[in-house]
Amino acid sequence: MGTGCNGSTFAALAFAELGYPVREMIGGIEYWARNGLPVETTDGVVVRDFDRLVTAHQPEG
């Protein structure tokens, strides 16, 4: 699976059909990380500096 994979869209649809409220994040895990949000890797939890080109998110502090 790569960044162009639509598997999460199908999973979101399946959960929505079961009655769960779902949202799809445009850009997937790449934009999650670029927004400065935590990602768990084999090396532990990694938080990158947020990328001003992809987010309006401003970290606190």
PDB file of N, CA and C in Angstrom:
ATOM      1  N   MET A   1       0.834  -1.181   0.000  1.00  0.00           N
ATOM      2  CA  MET A   1       0.000   0.000   0.000  1.00  0.00           C
ATOM      3  C   MET A   1       0.878   1.242   0.000  1.00  0.00           C
ATOM      4  N   GLY A   2       0.479   2.227  -0.747  1.00  0.00           N
ATOM      5  CA  GLY A   2       1.212   3.477  -0.811  1.00  0.00           C
ATOM      6  C   GLY A   2       0.314   4.646  -0.490  1.00  0.00           C
ATOM      7  N   THR A   3       0.828   5.840  -0.715  1.00  0.00           N
ATOM      8  CA  THR A   3       0.059   7.033  -0.380  1.00  0.00           C
ATOM      9  C   THR A   3      -1.163   7.192  -1.274  1.00  0.00           C
ATOM     10  N   GLY A   4      -1.185   6.528  -2.429  1.00  0.00           N
ATOM     11  CA  GLY A   4      -2.334   6.602  -3.319  1.00  0.00           C
ATOM     12  C   GLY A   4      -3.384   5.545  -3.037  1.00  0.00           C
ATOM     13  N   CYS A   5      -3.179   4.759  -1.993  1.00  0.00           N
ATOM     14  CA  CYS A   5      -4.098   3.673  -1.650  1.00  0.00           C
ATOM     15  C   CYS A   5      -5.416   4.236  -1.119  1.00  0.00           C
ATOM     16  N   ASN A   6      -6.530   3.635  -1.523  1.00  0.00           N
ATOM     17  CA  ASN A   6      -7.831   4.096  -1.041  1.00  0.00           C
ATOM     18  C   ASN A   6      -8.447   3.119  -0.038  1.00  0.00           C
ATOM     19  N   GLY A   7      -7.622   2.278   0.557  1.00  0.00           N
ATOM     20  CA  GLY A   7      -8.116   1.312   1.538  1.00  0.00           C
ATOM     21  C   GLY A   7      -8.795   1.967   2.727  1.00  0.00           C
ATOM     22  N   SER A   8      -8.250   3.100   3.173  1.00  0.00           N
ATOM     23  CA  SER A   8      -8.852   3.770   4.325  1.00  0.00           C
ATOM     24  C   SER A   8     -10.228   4.331   3.980  1.00  0.00           C
ATOM     25  N   THR A   9     -10.421   4.725   2.723  1.00  0.00           N
ATOM     26  CA  THR A   9     -11.734   5.217   2.288  1.00  0.00           C
ATOM     27  C   THR A   9     -12.763   4.102   2.387  1.00  0.00           C
ATOM     28  N   PHE A  10     -12.386   2.896   1.946  1.00  0.00           N
ATOM     29  CA  PHE A  10     -13.308   1.762   2.039  1.00  0.00           C
ATOM     30  C   PHE A  10     -13.571   1.377   3.489  1.00  0.00           C
ATOM     31  N   ALA A  11     -12.545   1.453   4.335  1.00  0.00           N
ATOM     32  CA  ALA A  11     -12.738   1.159   5.757  1.00  0.00           C
ATOM     33  C   ALA A  11     -13.661   2.187   6.391  1.00  0.00           C
ATOM     34  N   ALA A  12     -13.470   3.470   6.049  1.00  0.00           N
ATOM     35  CA  ALA A  12     -14.336   4.521   6.589  1.00  0.00           C
ATOM     36  C   ALA A  12     -15.783   4.293   6.169  1.00  0.00           C
ATOM     37  N   LEU A  13     -15.985   3.893   4.924  1.00  0.00           N
ATOM     38  CA  LEU A  13     -17.331   3.607   4.442  1.00  0.00           C
ATOM     39  C   LEU A  13     -17.961   2.458   5.231  1.00  0.00           C
ATOM     40  N   ALA A  14     -17.185   1.417   5.473  1.00  0.00           N
ATOM     41  CA  ALA A  14     -17.700   0.271   6.230  1.00  0.00           C
ATOM     42  C   ALA A  14     -18.115   0.688   7.642  1.00  0.00           C
ATOM     43  N   PHE A  15     -17.289   1.502   8.302  1.00  0.00           N
ATOM     44  CA  PHE A  15     -17.645   1.984   9.636  1.00  0.00           C
ATOM     45  C   PHE A  15     -18.860   2.910   9.583  1.00  0.00           C
ATOM     46  N   ALA A  16     -18.940   3.765   8.576  1.00  0.00           N
ATOM     47  CA  ALA A  16     -20.090   4.663   8.437  1.00  0.00           C
ATOM     48  C   ALA A  16     -21.374   3.857   8.245  1.00  0.00           C
ATOM     49  N   GLU A  17     -21.294   2.792   7.462  1.00  0.00           N
ATOM     50  CA  GLU A  17     -22.468   1.942   7.245  1.00  0.00           C
ATOM     51  C   GLU A  17     -22.904   1.233   8.531  1.00  0.00           C
ATOM     52  N   LEU A  18     -21.964   1.073   9.469  1.00  0.00           N
ATOM     53  CA  LEU A  18     -22.304   0.484  10.769  1.00  0.00           C
ATOM     54  C   LEU A  18     -22.807   1.525  11.758  1.00  0.00           C
ATOM     55  N   GLY A  19     -22.844   2.784  11.321  1.00  0.00           N
ATOM     56  CA  GLY A  19     -23.383   3.841  12.162  1.00  0.00           C
ATOM     57  C   GLY A  19     -22.353   4.684  12.894  1.00  0.00           C
ATOM     58  N   TYR A  20     -21.083   4.422  12.672  1.00  0.00           N
ATOM     59  CA  TYR A  20     -20.042   5.217  13.330  1.00  0.00           C
ATOM     60  C   TYR A  20     -19.820   6.525  12.588  1.00  0.00           C
ATOM     61  N   PRO A  21     -19.579   7.616  13.317  1.00  0.00           N
ATOM     62  CA  PRO A  21     -19.222   8.865  12.637  1.00  0.00           C
ATOM     63  C   PRO A  21     -17.763   8.777  12.196  1.00  0.00           C
ATOM     64  N   VAL A  22     -17.504   9.034  10.941  1.00  0.00           N
ATOM     65  CA  VAL A  22     -16.135   8.929  10.419  1.00  0.00           C
ATOM     66  C   VAL A  22     -15.748  10.206   9.688  1.00  0.00           C
ATOM     67  N   ARG A  23     -14.461  10.431   9.618  1.00  0.00           N
ATOM     68  CA  ARG A  23     -13.894  11.526   8.835  1.00  0.00           C
ATOM     69  C   ARG A  23     -12.676  10.985   8.119  1.00  0.00           C
ATOM     70  N   GLU A  24     -12.437  11.501   6.963  1.00  0.00           N
ATOM     71  CA  GLU A  24     -11.267  11.099   6.207  1.00  0.00           C
ATOM     72  C   GLU A  24     -10.286  12.261   6.169  1.00  0.00           C
ATOM     73  N   MET A  25      -9.055  12.004   6.558  1.00  0.00           N
ATOM     74  CA  MET A  25      -8.042  13.051   6.553  1.00  0.00           C
ATOM     75  C   MET A  25      -7.376  13.096   5.188  1.00  0.00           C
ATOM     76  N   ILE A  26      -7.525  14.209   4.508  1.00  0.00           N
ATOM     77  CA  ILE A  26      -6.888  14.373   3.214  1.00  0.00           C
ATOM     78  C   ILE A  26      -5.375  14.326   3.415  1.00  0.00           C
ATOM     79  N   GLY A  27      -4.701  13.538   2.615  1.00  0.00           N
ATOM     80  CA  GLY A  27      -3.252  13.407   2.727  1.00  0.00           C
ATOM     81  C   GLY A  27      -2.804  12.239   3.580  1.00  0.00           C
ATOM     82  N   GLY A  28      -3.756  11.604   4.284  1.00  0.00           N
ATOM     83  CA  GLY A  28      -3.451  10.408   5.049  1.00  0.00           C
ATOM     84  C   GLY A  28      -2.364  10.583   6.091  1.00  0.00           C
ATOM     85  N   ILE A  29      -1.610   9.511   6.305  1.00  0.00           N
ATOM     86  CA  ILE A  29      -0.596   9.491   7.357  1.00  0.00           C
ATOM     87  C   ILE A  29       0.510  10.506   7.088  1.00  0.00           C
ATOM     88  N   GLU A  30       0.810  10.766   5.817  1.00  0.00           N
ATOM     89  CA  GLU A  30       1.856  11.738   5.491  1.00  0.00           C
ATOM     90  C   GLU A  30       1.477  13.126   6.014  1.00  0.00           C
ATOM     91  N   TYR A  31       0.238  13.548   5.773  1.00  0.00           N
ATOM     92  CA  TYR A  31      -0.168  14.866   6.254  1.00  0.00           C
ATOM     93  C   TYR A  31      -0.372  14.880   7.759  1.00  0.00           C
ATOM     94  N   TRP A  32      -0.748  13.732   8.327  1.00  0.00           N
ATOM     95  CA  TRP A  32      -0.839  13.624   9.783  1.00  0.00           C
ATOM     96  C   TRP A  32       0.518  13.973  10.383  1.00  0.00           C
ATOM     97  N   ALA A  33       1.570  13.322   9.883  1.00  0.00           N
ATOM     98  CA  ALA A  33       2.925  13.564  10.385  1.00  0.00           C
ATOM     99  C   ALA A  33       3.375  14.991  10.090  1.00  0.00           C
ATOM    100  N   ARG A  34       3.048  15.493   8.891  1.00  0.00           N
ATOM    101  CA  ARG A  34       3.467  16.847   8.513  1.00  0.00           C
ATOM    102  C   ARG A  34       2.724  17.919   9.304  1.00  0.00           C
ATOM    103  N   ASN A  35       1.621  17.545   9.946  1.00  0.00           N
ATOM    104  CA  ASN A  35       0.901  18.463  10.819  1.00  0.00           C
ATOM    105  C   ASN A  35       1.467  18.443  12.233  1.00  0.00           C
ATOM    106  N   GLY A  36       2.578  17.730  12.430  1.00  0.00           N
ATOM    107  CA  GLY A  36       3.223  17.703  13.738  1.00  0.00           C
ATOM    108  C   GLY A  36       2.543  16.792  14.740  1.00  0.00           C
ATOM    109  N   LEU A  37       1.753  15.842  14.258  1.00  0.00           N
ATOM    110  CA  LEU A  37       1.043  14.926  15.138  1.00  0.00           C
ATOM    111  C   LEU A  37       1.864  13.654  15.344  1.00  0.00           C
ATOM    112  N   PRO A  38       1.689  12.950  16.465  1.00  0.00           N
ATOM    113  CA  PRO A  38       2.542  11.797  16.778  1.00  0.00           C
ATOM    114  C   PRO A  38       2.287  10.602  15.865  1.00  0.00           C
ATOM    115  N   VAL A  39       3.384   9.930  15.527  1.00  0.00           N
ATOM    116  CA  VAL A  39       3.332   8.701  14.735  1.00  0.00           C
ATOM    117  C   VAL A  39       4.168   7.664  15.463  1.00  0.00           C
ATOM    118  N   GLU A  40       3.595   6.485  15.688  1.00  0.00           N
ATOM    119  CA  GLU A  40       4.345   5.426  16.358  1.00  0.00           C
ATOM    120  C   GLU A  40       5.098   4.612  15.315  1.00  0.00           C
ATOM    121  N   THR A  41       6.400   4.491  15.504  1.00  0.00           N
ATOM    122  CA  THR A  41       7.254   3.729  14.602  1.00  0.00           C
ATOM    123  C   THR A  41       7.946   2.620  15.393  1.00  0.00           C
ATOM    124  N   THR A  42       8.757   1.832  14.722  1.00  0.00           N
ATOM    125  CA  THR A  42       9.503   0.790  15.419  1.00  0.00           C
ATOM    126  C   THR A  42      10.521   1.388  16.385  1.00  0.00           C
ATOM    127  N   ASP A  43      10.876   2.659  16.179  1.00  0.00           N
ATOM    128  CA  ASP A  43      11.803   3.360  17.065  1.00  0.00           C
ATOM    129  C   ASP A  43      11.091   4.090  18.204  1.00  0.00           C
ATOM    130  N   GLY A  44       9.774   3.989  18.266  1.00  0.00           N
ATOM    131  CA  GLY A  44       8.999   4.696  19.282  1.00  0.00           C
ATOM    132  C   GLY A  44       8.136   5.769  18.647  1.00  0.00           C
ATOM    133  N   VAL A  45       7.583   6.627  19.463  1.00  0.00           N
ATOM    134  CA  VAL A  45       6.709   7.692  18.976  1.00  0.00           C
ATOM    135  C   VAL A  45       7.561   8.846  18.467  1.00  0.00           C
ATOM    136  N   VAL A  46       7.257   9.284  17.249  1.00  0.00           N
ATOM    137  CA  VAL A  46       8.002  10.366  16.609  1.00  0.00           C
ATOM    138  C   VAL A  46       7.042  11.515  16.340  1.00  0.00           C
ATOM    139  N   VAL A  47       7.468  12.732  16.669  1.00  0.00           N
ATOM    140  CA  VAL A  47       6.689  13.930  16.364  1.00  0.00           C
ATOM    141  C   VAL A  47       7.589  14.855  15.547  1.00  0.00           C
ATOM    142  N   ARG A  48       7.216  15.081  14.305  1.00  0.00           N
ATOM    143  CA  ARG A  48       7.982  15.976  13.436  1.00  0.00           C
ATOM    144  C   ARG A  48       7.547  17.412  13.673  1.00  0.00           C
ATOM    145  N   ASP A  49       8.410  18.355  13.316  1.00  0.00           N
ATOM    146  CA  ASP A  49       7.993  19.751  13.294  1.00  0.00           C
ATOM    147  C   ASP A  49       6.903  19.901  12.251  1.00  0.00           C
ATOM    148  N   PHE A  50       5.893  20.740  12.538  1.00  0.00           N
ATOM    149  CA  PHE A  50       4.812  20.871  11.570  1.00  0.00           C
ATOM    150  C   PHE A  50       5.307  21.636  10.349  1.00  0.00           C
ATOM    151  N   ASP A  51       4.741  21.294   9.214  1.00  0.00           N
ATOM    152  CA  ASP A  51       5.111  21.866   7.922  1.00  0.00           C
ATOM    153  C   ASP A  51       4.138  22.986   7.586  1.00  0.00           C
ATOM    154  N   ARG A  52       4.595  24.215   7.577  1.00  0.00           N
ATOM    155  CA  ARG A  52       3.727  25.370   7.324  1.00  0.00           C
ATOM    156  C   ARG A  52       3.080  25.335   5.941  1.00  0.00           C
ATOM    157  N   LEU A  53       3.618  24.535   5.013  1.00  0.00           N
ATOM    158  CA  LEU A  53       3.059  24.455   3.665  1.00  0.00           C
ATOM    159  C   LEU A  53       1.811  23.588   3.596  1.00  0.00           C
ATOM    160  N   VAL A  54       1.579  22.748   4.575  1.00  0.00           N
ATOM    161  CA  VAL A  54       0.448  21.826   4.503  1.00  0.00           C
ATOM    162  C   VAL A  54      -0.573  21.998   5.615  1.00  0.00           C
ATOM    163  N   THR A  55      -0.369  22.949   6.499  1.00  0.00           N
ATOM    164  CA  THR A  55      -1.269  23.034   7.647  1.00  0.00           C
ATOM    165  C   THR A  55      -1.478  24.440   8.147  1.00  0.00           C
ATOM    166  N   ALA A  56      -2.626  24.655   8.700  1.00  0.00           N
ATOM    167  CA  ALA A  56      -2.901  25.898   9.419  1.00  0.00           C
ATOM    168  C   ALA A  56      -2.688  25.680  10.906  1.00  0.00           C
ATOM    169  N   HIS A  57      -2.392  24.423  11.269  1.00  0.00           N
ATOM    170  CA  HIS A  57      -2.171  24.037  12.664  1.00  0.00           C
ATOM    171  C   HIS A  57      -0.974  24.787  13.219  1.00  0.00           C
ATOM    172  N   GLN A  58      -1.163  25.411  14.337  1.00  0.00           N
ATOM    173  CA  GLN A  58      -0.084  26.132  15.002  1.00  0.00           C
ATOM    174  C   GLN A  58       0.139  25.474  16.358  1.00  0.00           C
ATOM    175  N   PRO A  59       1.326  24.961  16.601  1.00  0.00           N
ATOM    176  CA  PRO A  59       1.564  24.328  17.902  1.00  0.00           C
ATOM    177  C   PRO A  59       1.492  25.345  19.033  1.00  0.00           C
ATOM    178  N   GLU A  60       1.084  24.853  20.198  1.00  0.00           N
ATOM    179  CA  GLU A  60       1.004  25.726  21.371  1.00  0.00           C
ATOM    180  C   GLU A  60       2.404  26.005  21.894  1.00  0.00           C
ATOM    181  N   GLY A  61       2.563  27.188  22.488  1.00  0.00           N
ATOM    182  CA  GLY A  61       3.827  27.493  23.122  1.00  0.00           C
ATOM    183  C   GLY A  61       4.742  28.205  22.295  1.00  0.00           C
TER     184      GLY A  61
END
